[in-house]
Amino acid sequence: MRVLCVCLCLDLVIFTWGRQLTVTSILKPPLLMESGSPGQYEGYIVDILNSLASQNNFTYSIVPEPDGVYGVKDDKGNWNGMMGNLVSKKADLAAADLTVSSTRRTAVSFTSPILHGGKRILVFTPQVPPHNGLVVLFEPFSGDVWVMLMVVCIIVGILLTIINRYSPSEWSKIPEAEDKTNSRDSFTINNALFFVHTTVTWQGFKEAPRSPGGRFLASMWMSFVLFMITAYIANLASFIIARTPDKAILPFKTFHQMEMQSEVAYGTKSWDTFLQRSKDPVLNRLDLISRSDPDNNLFETDQEGYERVRDYQGSFAAIMESHVAEYYAGKDCSVMVVGEKAEPTEQAIACSNASLCAELSTSMNNVPLKELRQKWWPNSCGTTLLSEFLNKPEVTLLTPARPLNTIDLSIAFILLLLGIIVGVLMMVIEVYIARKRAQKEGPIKMKSTNGDKLVTEGTDEEKAPIAEEC
């Protein structure tokens, strides 16, 4: 028995003391980065390995995993990536942010944790909204509503001009001698557009249309204006109340709030199945929504996700490991991290030999992980508390303020469309009846001053009756 113990101790000493170890890892700042010279590396992992090597008297060489794959097991039970290198004994250690899982524990051993991770959200740091009084005047309506308003104003003005031109009972048909109020030109094209403008702004107007079609169109137009002005004033008040110029606004602060909104797109790494495997249904829906548009939402590397958040300036958020997101937020103040760690995990060094992991775990107690964390995750932006930012879902709950679109105002547009159709039809019917009446009655005859000669109305003879020759 003593001989067996001595042999085991000798094996352990030979295995750990004075041995050259091969370490597989993945290049990822600030964990492992090239230091300039070929084969030379620096980073959080390198400092941990140096501390362990000095305590256990071994040397090591780092061989980065070329595909950047941590390791998954296929249907045949074969591992790839760093896990495959350990299982096949091509490497002695896998030193990276390798997540400890029950499946991986069946194949390799792990040291005590070197990182405590979990998923968090990297977002663009919101800015204090500028004070611009002109912008708030246009916020109550969406862009398509403003375009529709301009179009219908022109259409109504043109229709009023057409009705005034052809309707037999409009102002333009009044004889000039009887036009004591100068109303014959009330609905020329420029005056009709001015009529539309004055009704929109509630300034009043000189004359209203005289024909049935013109009056019906004008009444429906004024009802439309009443709807639009009421909606505009009500929504403008909501926007003014909801404006918070003294604080920046975050689109969301948690995963649940992110799932509830649709203003900011979000995604994760295309090969990361964490959200899909999560037991939280909200995270499952986030994964489903992200993969519904893979070209725009998914990214291949953490660096690509960070650059997309930075360049899109508020229209995209990236879900990534907490220590990676915190690293980018610490060196670039244009981005920040929000959300609690979703389903926290542990990352540790994996070993191909259980006894080696046991020895390294004991030495891990003397590794200054906290100091190394501060060294490689410096915060050049200072401490930014989430309480310094307002949250859009919270603001929406207090004072709903969003631009009204054409669907919201569809009743008003339908009412105006009804006025246009009926007004035009009434004008057509009025013109048709007037022509039929004129054809039925025929030319009006007038008697001359001498009572003997009949002349037709509308000819030169009605102006100067011709006397009958003797």
Protein backbone atom coordinates (compact mmCIF):
# COMPACT_ATOMS: atom_id res chain seq x y z
CA MET A 1 0.00 0.00 0.00
CA ARG A 2 2.82 2.38 0.87
CA VAL A 3 4.55 1.49 -2.38
CA LEU A 4 1.38 2.35 -4.31
CA CYS A 5 1.09 5.74 -2.58
CA VAL A 6 4.74 6.50 -3.22
CA CYS A 7 4.30 5.61 -6.90
CA LEU A 8 1.25 7.85 -7.19
CA CYS A 9 3.10 10.71 -5.55
CA LEU A 10 6.08 10.23 -7.84
CA ASP A 11 3.78 10.21 -10.87
CA LEU A 12 2.16 13.43 -9.69
CA VAL A 13 5.53 15.10 -9.10
CA ILE A 14 6.85 13.97 -12.47
CA PHE A 15 3.62 15.08 -14.12
CA THR A 16 3.51 18.56 -12.66
CA TRP A 17 7.04 19.53 -11.73
CA GLY A 18 9.38 20.43 -14.55
CA ARG A 19 7.02 19.32 -17.29
CA GLN A 20 6.28 21.12 -20.56
CA LEU A 21 2.49 21.47 -20.92
CA THR A 22 0.58 22.18 -24.11
CA VAL A 23 -2.25 24.67 -23.66
CA THR A 24 -5.08 25.08 -26.15
CA SER A 25 -6.92 28.37 -26.08
CA ILE A 26 -8.86 30.90 -28.15
CA LEU A 27 -7.72 34.37 -29.12
CA LYS A 28 -10.17 36.76 -27.48
CA PRO A 29 -9.41 40.10 -25.83
CA PRO A 30 -8.64 40.59 -23.02
CA LEU A 31 -8.31 36.86 -22.22
CA LEU A 32 -5.69 36.03 -24.83
CA MET A 33 -4.10 38.43 -27.30
CA GLU A 34 -1.00 38.40 -29.48
CA SER A 35 1.71 40.58 -27.99
CA GLY A 36 3.45 41.36 -31.26
CA SER A 37 6.05 38.63 -31.67
CA PRO A 38 4.97 35.34 -33.29
CA GLY A 39 4.01 32.81 -30.63
CA GLN A 40 4.01 35.43 -27.86
CA TYR A 41 0.75 36.17 -26.05
CA GLU A 42 -0.60 38.33 -23.27
CA GLY A 43 -3.84 38.69 -21.40
CA TYR A 44 -5.83 37.52 -18.42
CA ILE A 45 -5.26 33.82 -19.22
CA VAL A 46 -1.51 34.30 -19.66
CA ASP A 47 -1.19 35.95 -16.23
CA ILE A 48 -3.12 33.10 -14.61
CA LEU A 49 -0.95 30.49 -16.33
CA ASN A 50 2.23 32.33 -15.30
CA SER A 51 1.08 32.34 -11.68
CA LEU A 52 0.21 28.63 -11.78
CA ALA A 53 3.46 27.76 -13.54
CA SER A 54 5.56 29.58 -10.94
CA GLN A 55 3.76 27.78 -8.11
CA ASN A 56 3.95 24.32 -9.69
CA ASN A 57 7.25 24.60 -11.55
CA PHE A 58 6.11 23.79 -15.07
CA THR A 59 6.45 25.48 -18.44
CA TYR A 60 3.84 25.72 -21.11
CA SER A 61 3.26 26.64 -24.74
CA ILE A 62 -0.01 28.07 -26.03
CA VAL A 63 -1.53 26.71 -29.23
CA PRO A 64 -4.61 28.79 -30.24
CA GLU A 65 -7.56 26.82 -31.57
CA PRO A 66 -7.60 27.79 -35.29
CA ASP A 67 -11.38 27.50 -35.67
CA GLY A 68 -12.16 29.32 -32.41
CA VAL A 69 -14.43 26.46 -31.32
CA TYR A 70 -14.82 25.66 -27.62
CA GLY A 71 -16.07 22.14 -28.17
CA VAL A 72 -19.30 20.24 -28.64
CA LYS A 73 -20.00 16.53 -28.88
CA ASP A 74 -21.58 15.13 -32.04
CA ASP A 75 -24.01 12.22 -32.33
CA LYS A 76 -21.14 9.72 -32.43
CA GLY A 77 -19.69 11.01 -29.15
CA ASN A 78 -16.71 12.80 -30.72
CA TRP A 79 -15.65 16.23 -29.48
CA ASN A 80 -14.34 19.08 -31.60
CA GLY A 81 -12.50 22.32 -30.81
CA MET A 82 -10.59 22.70 -27.55
CA MET A 83 -12.50 19.85 -25.95
CA GLY A 84 -11.46 17.59 -28.80
CA ASN A 85 -7.79 18.49 -28.23
CA LEU A 86 -8.08 17.58 -24.55
CA VAL A 87 -9.95 14.33 -25.08
CA SER A 88 -7.49 13.19 -27.76
CA LYS A 89 -4.53 14.18 -25.51
CA LYS A 90 -3.24 16.69 -28.05
CA ALA A 91 -3.28 19.29 -25.27
CA ASP A 92 -2.87 19.13 -21.53
CA LEU A 93 -4.88 22.23 -20.64
CA ALA A 94 -7.67 24.25 -22.19
CA ALA A 95 -7.31 27.77 -20.78
CA ALA A 96 -10.05 30.08 -21.95
CA ASP A 97 -13.51 31.22 -20.95
CA LEU A 98 -14.64 27.61 -21.28
CA THR A 99 -18.01 27.13 -19.58
CA VAL A 100 -18.24 24.31 -17.07
CA SER A 101 -21.13 21.98 -17.92
CA SER A 102 -22.22 18.54 -16.83
CA THR A 103 -21.64 17.15 -20.33
CA ARG A 104 -18.08 18.44 -20.45
CA ARG A 105 -17.37 17.13 -16.95
CA THR A 106 -17.96 13.61 -18.19
CA ALA A 107 -15.04 13.96 -20.60
CA VAL A 108 -12.51 16.24 -18.82
CA SER A 109 -11.78 17.74 -15.42
CA PHE A 110 -11.97 21.39 -14.43
CA THR A 111 -10.13 23.60 -11.98
CA SER A 112 -11.86 26.04 -9.68
CA PRO A 113 -13.52 28.90 -11.63
CA ILE A 114 -11.46 31.70 -13.13
CA LEU A 115 -14.52 33.66 -14.34
CA HIS A 116 -18.17 33.93 -13.38
CA GLY A 117 -20.14 34.73 -16.49
CA GLY A 118 -23.60 34.92 -17.97
CA LYS A 119 -25.28 36.71 -20.84
CA ARG A 120 -25.72 40.47 -20.78
CA ILE A 121 -26.74 43.13 -23.30
CA LEU A 122 -24.34 45.53 -25.01
CA VAL A 123 -26.17 48.70 -26.12
CA PHE A 124 -25.26 52.08 -27.50
CA THR A 125 -24.92 54.65 -24.73
CA PRO A 126 -27.95 56.97 -25.05
CA GLN A 127 -27.42 60.68 -25.31
CA VAL A 128 -29.48 63.48 -23.78
CA PRO A 129 -32.08 64.43 -26.41
CA PRO A 130 -31.46 67.91 -27.85
CA HIS A 131 -33.87 70.76 -27.22
CA ASN A 132 -35.50 71.43 -30.56
CA GLY A 133 -38.89 73.09 -30.42
CA LEU A 134 -39.52 72.64 -34.14
CA VAL A 135 -39.16 68.88 -33.97
CA VAL A 136 -41.76 68.43 -31.24
CA LEU A 137 -44.33 70.19 -33.43
CA PHE A 138 -44.06 67.39 -35.99
CA GLU A 139 -43.83 64.47 -33.54
CA PRO A 140 -47.59 63.91 -32.94
CA PHE A 141 -48.08 62.57 -36.50
CA SER A 142 -45.96 60.06 -38.36
CA GLY A 143 -44.33 60.96 -41.66
CA ASP A 144 -46.97 59.25 -43.79
CA VAL A 145 -49.74 61.22 -42.07
CA TRP A 146 -48.02 64.55 -42.82
CA VAL A 147 -47.64 63.54 -46.48
CA MET A 148 -51.30 62.50 -46.64
CA LEU A 149 -52.34 65.83 -45.11
CA MET A 150 -50.51 67.81 -47.76
CA VAL A 151 -51.98 65.64 -50.52
CA VAL A 152 -55.60 65.92 -49.33
CA CYS A 153 -55.26 69.70 -48.86
CA ILE A 154 -54.31 70.05 -52.52
CA ILE A 155 -57.02 67.60 -53.65
CA VAL A 156 -59.79 69.40 -51.73
CA GLY A 157 -58.66 72.79 -53.02
CA ILE A 158 -58.71 71.55 -56.63
CA LEU A 159 -62.13 69.92 -56.21
CA LEU A 160 -63.60 73.11 -54.75
CA THR A 161 -62.26 74.97 -57.80
CA ILE A 162 -63.80 72.42 -60.18
CA ILE A 163 -67.18 72.56 -58.41
CA ASN A 164 -67.10 76.34 -58.49
CA ARG A 165 -66.31 76.27 -62.22
CA TYR A 166 -69.03 73.86 -63.37
CA SER A 167 -71.82 73.96 -60.78
CA PRO A 168 -74.66 76.24 -62.01
CA SER A 169 -75.41 77.45 -58.48
CA GLU A 170 -71.89 78.44 -57.44
CA TRP A 171 -70.43 81.90 -56.93
CA SER A 172 -68.80 81.99 -60.35
CA LYS A 173 -72.25 81.89 -62.05
CA ILE A 174 -73.52 85.08 -60.35
CA PRO A 175 -73.83 87.96 -62.82
CA GLU A 176 -71.19 90.56 -62.21
CA ALA A 177 -73.82 93.24 -61.75
CA GLU A 178 -75.40 91.32 -58.90
CA ASP A 179 -72.08 90.49 -57.17
CA LYS A 180 -72.18 93.23 -54.55
CA THR A 181 -69.75 91.38 -52.17
CA ASN A 182 -67.16 90.48 -54.86
CA SER A 183 -67.70 86.78 -54.31
CA ARG A 184 -67.39 85.58 -57.91
CA ASP A 185 -63.69 84.78 -57.39
CA SER A 186 -64.06 83.16 -53.97
CA PHE A 187 -63.09 79.72 -55.26
CA THR A 188 -60.55 80.25 -57.95
CA ILE A 189 -57.58 77.90 -57.50
CA ASN A 190 -55.57 80.27 -55.31
CA ASN A 191 -58.57 81.29 -53.22
CA ALA A 192 -59.74 77.67 -52.87
CA LEU A 193 -56.34 76.62 -51.53
CA PHE A 194 -56.44 79.61 -49.20
CA PHE A 195 -59.89 78.48 -48.00
CA VAL A 196 -58.43 75.03 -47.23
CA HIS A 197 -55.54 76.58 -45.32
CA THR A 198 -57.74 78.91 -43.25
CA THR A 199 -60.05 76.05 -42.24
CA VAL A 200 -57.10 73.88 -41.21
CA THR A 201 -55.73 76.63 -38.99
CA TRP A 202 -59.17 77.77 -37.74
CA GLN A 203 -58.74 81.30 -39.05
CA GLY A 204 -62.20 81.61 -40.59
CA PHE A 205 -63.08 82.32 -44.22
CA LYS A 206 -64.97 84.89 -46.30
CA GLU A 207 -67.42 82.75 -48.27
CA ALA A 208 -68.58 79.14 -48.11
CA PRO A 209 -69.57 77.18 -51.23
CA ARG A 210 -73.16 77.79 -52.48
CA SER A 211 -73.81 74.54 -54.38
CA PRO A 212 -75.04 71.38 -52.61
CA GLY A 213 -71.94 69.41 -53.69
CA GLY A 214 -69.58 72.16 -52.59
CA ARG A 215 -71.28 72.54 -49.22
CA PHE A 216 -71.26 68.79 -48.55
CA LEU A 217 -67.57 68.57 -49.43
CA ALA A 218 -66.79 71.61 -47.26
CA SER A 219 -68.72 70.19 -44.30
CA MET A 220 -66.92 66.82 -44.52
CA TRP A 221 -63.62 68.66 -44.88
CA MET A 222 -64.28 70.69 -41.73
CA SER A 223 -65.23 67.50 -39.85
CA PHE A 224 -61.97 65.97 -41.02
CA VAL A 225 -60.08 69.06 -39.82
CA LEU A 226 -61.81 68.84 -36.42
CA PHE A 227 -60.71 65.21 -36.02
CA MET A 228 -57.13 65.97 -37.05
CA ILE A 229 -56.72 69.06 -34.87
CA THR A 230 -58.16 67.27 -31.83
CA ALA A 231 -55.84 64.29 -32.33
CA TYR A 232 -52.84 66.58 -32.95
CA ILE A 233 -53.36 68.69 -29.83
CA ALA A 234 -53.97 65.65 -27.60
CA ASN A 235 -50.89 63.81 -28.85
CA LEU A 236 -48.74 66.94 -28.77
CA ALA A 237 -49.56 67.29 -25.07
CA SER A 238 -48.45 63.68 -24.50
CA PHE A 239 -45.15 64.29 -26.26
CA ILE A 240 -44.48 67.47 -24.30
CA ILE A 241 -45.18 65.72 -21.00
CA ALA A 242 -43.07 62.70 -21.97
CA ARG A 243 -40.06 64.78 -23.00
CA THR A 244 -37.19 64.45 -20.51
CA PRO A 245 -34.42 66.75 -21.72
CA ASP A 246 -32.41 66.39 -18.52
CA LYS A 247 -31.88 62.63 -18.81
CA ALA A 248 -30.95 60.22 -21.58
CA ILE A 249 -33.42 57.47 -22.43
CA LEU A 250 -32.52 53.79 -22.61
CA PRO A 251 -34.63 51.62 -24.90
CA PHE A 252 -34.65 48.87 -22.24
CA LYS A 253 -32.81 47.77 -19.11
CA THR A 254 -33.59 44.05 -18.90
CA PHE A 255 -34.05 41.06 -21.20
CA HIS A 256 -37.79 41.11 -20.52
CA GLN A 257 -38.09 44.77 -21.53
CA MET A 258 -36.02 44.11 -24.63
CA GLU A 259 -38.40 41.35 -25.69
CA MET A 260 -41.42 43.66 -25.23
CA GLN A 261 -40.18 46.38 -27.61
CA SER A 262 -39.67 46.38 -31.38
CA GLU A 263 -37.82 49.67 -31.88
CA VAL A 264 -34.30 48.27 -31.39
CA ALA A 265 -33.15 45.10 -33.18
CA TYR A 266 -31.04 42.60 -31.26
CA GLY A 267 -29.09 39.42 -31.84
CA THR A 268 -26.33 37.09 -30.70
CA LYS A 269 -23.62 34.93 -32.23
CA SER A 270 -25.02 32.66 -34.92
CA TRP A 271 -23.54 29.49 -33.42
CA ASP A 272 -24.43 30.29 -29.79
CA THR A 273 -27.41 28.19 -28.65
CA PHE A 274 -27.55 29.52 -25.09
CA LEU A 275 -30.82 31.41 -25.53
CA GLN A 276 -32.36 28.46 -27.32
CA ARG A 277 -31.40 26.04 -24.54
CA SER A 278 -32.47 28.36 -21.73
CA LYS A 279 -35.39 27.44 -19.48
CA ASP A 280 -36.60 31.05 -19.50
CA PRO A 281 -39.35 31.46 -22.16
CA VAL A 282 -38.42 35.12 -22.62
CA LEU A 283 -34.88 34.15 -23.64
CA ASN A 284 -36.34 31.50 -25.96
CA ARG A 285 -38.44 34.16 -27.69
CA LEU A 286 -35.40 36.44 -27.97
CA ASP A 287 -33.56 33.66 -29.77
CA LEU A 288 -36.53 33.00 -32.06
CA ILE A 289 -36.89 36.67 -32.97
CA SER A 290 -33.13 37.05 -33.54
CA ARG A 291 -33.00 34.06 -35.89
CA SER A 292 -36.05 35.23 -37.83
CA ASP A 293 -33.72 37.72 -39.58
CA PRO A 294 -30.25 36.11 -39.43
CA ASP A 295 -28.64 38.43 -41.98
CA ASN A 296 -29.30 41.53 -39.87
CA ASN A 297 -29.45 40.19 -36.30
CA LEU A 298 -26.83 37.44 -35.99
CA PHE A 299 -23.06 37.92 -35.98
CA GLU A 300 -20.09 35.54 -36.05
CA THR A 301 -17.69 37.06 -33.50
CA ASP A 302 -17.93 39.27 -30.42
CA GLN A 303 -15.90 41.93 -32.23
CA GLU A 304 -18.45 42.02 -35.04
CA GLY A 305 -21.30 42.37 -32.55
CA TYR A 306 -19.55 45.21 -30.73
CA GLU A 307 -18.85 47.08 -33.99
CA ARG A 308 -22.48 46.71 -35.05
CA VAL A 309 -23.71 48.17 -31.75
CA ARG A 310 -21.26 51.06 -32.05
CA ASP A 311 -21.95 51.83 -35.72
CA TYR A 312 -25.75 51.46 -35.61
CA GLN A 313 -25.91 54.04 -32.77
CA GLY A 314 -28.95 52.83 -30.90
CA SER A 315 -30.78 50.68 -33.44
CA PHE A 316 -29.05 47.39 -32.53
CA ALA A 317 -28.15 45.59 -29.29
CA ALA A 318 -25.87 42.55 -28.92
CA ILE A 319 -26.34 39.69 -26.45
CA MET A 320 -22.96 38.31 -25.40
CA GLU A 321 -20.96 36.97 -22.48
CA SER A 322 -20.83 39.41 -19.58
CA HIS A 323 -17.04 39.58 -19.36
CA VAL A 324 -16.78 40.30 -23.10
CA ALA A 325 -19.47 42.99 -23.04
CA GLU A 326 -17.93 44.60 -19.93
CA TYR A 327 -14.53 44.68 -21.63
CA TYR A 328 -15.86 46.59 -24.66
CA ALA A 329 -17.89 48.96 -22.43
CA GLY A 330 -14.81 49.64 -20.32
CA LYS A 331 -12.63 50.73 -23.22
CA ASP A 332 -15.28 52.46 -25.37
CA CYS A 333 -17.65 54.90 -23.68
CA SER A 334 -20.02 54.92 -26.68
CA VAL A 335 -21.37 51.52 -25.56
CA MET A 336 -22.59 50.24 -22.21
CA VAL A 337 -23.83 47.02 -20.59
CA VAL A 338 -27.38 46.53 -19.28
CA GLY A 339 -29.38 43.61 -17.92
CA GLU A 340 -28.67 41.23 -15.09
CA LYS A 341 -26.62 38.14 -15.90
CA ALA A 342 -28.98 35.64 -17.49
CA GLU A 343 -28.51 32.15 -15.96
CA PRO A 344 -24.99 32.69 -14.52
CA THR A 345 -22.27 30.24 -15.51
CA GLU A 346 -18.72 29.43 -14.43
CA GLN A 347 -15.64 29.34 -16.64
CA ALA A 348 -12.59 27.32 -15.64
CA ILE A 349 -9.41 25.71 -16.97
CA ALA A 350 -10.03 22.19 -18.29
CA CYS A 351 -7.43 19.42 -17.90
CA SER A 352 -6.91 16.15 -19.69
CA ASN A 353 -5.72 14.67 -16.37
CA ALA A 354 -7.79 14.80 -13.17
CA SER A 355 -4.77 14.87 -10.86
CA LEU A 356 -3.35 17.86 -12.71
CA CYS A 357 -6.63 19.77 -12.26
CA ALA A 358 -6.65 18.92 -8.56
CA GLU A 359 -3.16 20.34 -8.14
CA LEU A 360 -3.94 23.49 -10.12
CA SER A 361 -7.16 24.06 -8.19
CA THR A 362 -5.20 24.11 -4.95
CA SER A 363 -2.77 26.64 -6.42
CA MET A 364 -5.63 28.74 -7.77
CA ASN A 365 -6.26 30.06 -4.26
CA ASN A 366 -3.00 32.01 -4.51
CA VAL A 367 -3.76 33.53 -7.92
CA PRO A 368 -4.80 37.21 -7.53
CA LEU A 369 -7.88 36.92 -9.73
CA LYS A 370 -9.43 40.14 -8.46
CA GLU A 371 -6.31 42.19 -9.22
CA LEU A 372 -5.97 40.57 -12.63
CA ARG A 373 -9.61 41.35 -13.33
CA GLN A 374 -9.03 45.04 -12.58
CA LYS A 375 -5.89 45.01 -14.72
CA TRP A 376 -7.46 43.59 -17.86
CA TRP A 377 -10.93 45.11 -17.48
CA PRO A 378 -10.14 48.76 -16.77
CA ASN A 379 -13.07 51.18 -16.75
CA SER A 380 -11.95 54.31 -18.56
CA CYS A 381 -15.52 55.65 -18.66
CA GLY A 382 -16.08 55.82 -14.93
CA THR A 383 -19.05 54.34 -13.11
CA THR A 384 -22.35 54.84 -14.92
CA LEU A 385 -25.45 53.82 -12.98
CA LEU A 386 -28.55 52.70 -14.80
CA SER A 387 -30.55 54.98 -12.51
CA GLU A 388 -29.06 57.92 -14.41
CA PHE A 389 -31.06 56.92 -17.48
CA LEU A 390 -34.77 56.88 -18.07
CA ASN A 391 -36.29 53.76 -19.59
CA LYS A 392 -38.56 53.92 -22.63
CA PRO A 393 -41.01 51.22 -21.50
CA GLU A 394 -41.35 52.99 -18.15
CA VAL A 395 -41.94 56.35 -19.83
CA THR A 396 -44.51 54.77 -22.14
CA LEU A 397 -46.43 53.37 -19.20
CA LEU A 398 -46.59 56.78 -17.57
CA THR A 399 -47.34 58.94 -20.60
CA PRO A 400 -48.08 57.08 -23.83
CA ALA A 401 -46.51 59.15 -26.59
CA ARG A 402 -46.01 57.80 -30.06
CA PRO A 403 -46.66 59.33 -33.49
CA LEU A 404 -50.16 58.65 -34.78
CA ASN A 405 -50.18 56.85 -38.13
CA THR A 406 -52.74 56.57 -40.91
CA ILE A 407 -54.32 53.53 -39.26
CA ASP A 408 -54.97 55.50 -36.07
CA LEU A 409 -56.58 58.31 -38.09
CA SER A 410 -58.32 56.10 -40.66
CA ILE A 411 -61.83 57.22 -39.58
CA ALA A 412 -61.00 60.85 -40.41
CA PHE A 413 -59.60 59.94 -43.84
CA ILE A 414 -62.60 57.71 -44.60
CA LEU A 415 -64.94 60.56 -43.66
CA LEU A 416 -63.10 62.92 -46.00
CA LEU A 417 -63.13 60.35 -48.80
CA LEU A 418 -66.90 60.05 -48.37
CA GLY A 419 -67.21 63.84 -48.63
CA ILE A 420 -65.14 63.89 -51.82
CA ILE A 421 -67.13 61.14 -53.51
CA VAL A 422 -70.56 62.47 -52.53
CA GLY A 423 -69.61 66.08 -53.27
CA VAL A 424 -68.42 65.23 -56.78
CA LEU A 425 -71.50 63.11 -57.44
CA MET A 426 -73.79 65.92 -56.29
CA MET A 427 -72.00 68.33 -58.62
CA VAL A 428 -72.37 65.94 -61.56
CA ILE A 429 -76.07 65.42 -60.82
CA GLU A 430 -76.61 69.18 -60.50
CA VAL A 431 -74.90 69.87 -63.82
CA TYR A 432 -76.87 67.05 -65.49
CA ILE A 433 -80.23 68.34 -64.19
CA ALA A 434 -79.40 71.90 -65.25
CA ARG A 435 -78.57 70.80 -68.80
CA LYS A 436 -81.69 68.63 -69.08
CA ARG A 437 -83.83 71.54 -67.90
CA ALA A 438 -82.21 73.86 -70.40
CA GLN A 439 -82.85 71.39 -73.23
CA LYS A 440 -86.48 70.89 -72.16
CA GLU A 441 -87.38 74.55 -71.82
CA GLY A 442 -85.58 75.59 -75.02
CA PRO A 443 -84.58 79.20 -75.79
CA ILE A 444 -86.54 81.84 -73.90
CA LYS A 445 -88.49 84.24 -76.14
CA MET A 446 -88.95 87.90 -75.50
CA LYS A 447 -91.39 90.42 -77.02
CA SER A 448 -90.07 93.61 -78.58
CA THR A 449 -91.04 97.06 -77.39
CA ASN A 450 -93.61 97.47 -80.19
CA GLY A 451 -95.27 94.21 -79.26
CA ASP A 452 -95.08 92.68 -82.77
CA LYS A 453 -91.59 91.11 -83.11
CA LEU A 454 -90.44 88.09 -81.06
CA VAL A 455 -86.74 87.56 -80.44
CA THR A 456 -84.88 84.85 -78.55
CA GLU A 457 -83.10 85.49 -75.27
CA GLY A 458 -79.36 85.42 -75.44
CA THR A 459 -79.10 86.96 -78.95
CA ASP A 460 -78.23 90.44 -80.06
CA GLU A 461 -81.88 91.04 -80.71
CA GLU A 462 -82.74 90.96 -77.00
CA LYS A 463 -80.48 93.92 -76.41
CA ALA A 464 -81.92 96.07 -79.22
CA PRO A 465 -85.32 94.92 -80.66
CA ILE A 466 -85.67 95.67 -84.35
CA ALA A 467 -88.74 97.63 -85.41
CA GLU A 468 -90.91 96.14 -88.09
CA GLU A 469 -90.62 97.87 -91.49
CA CYS A 470 -93.60 99.71 -92.78
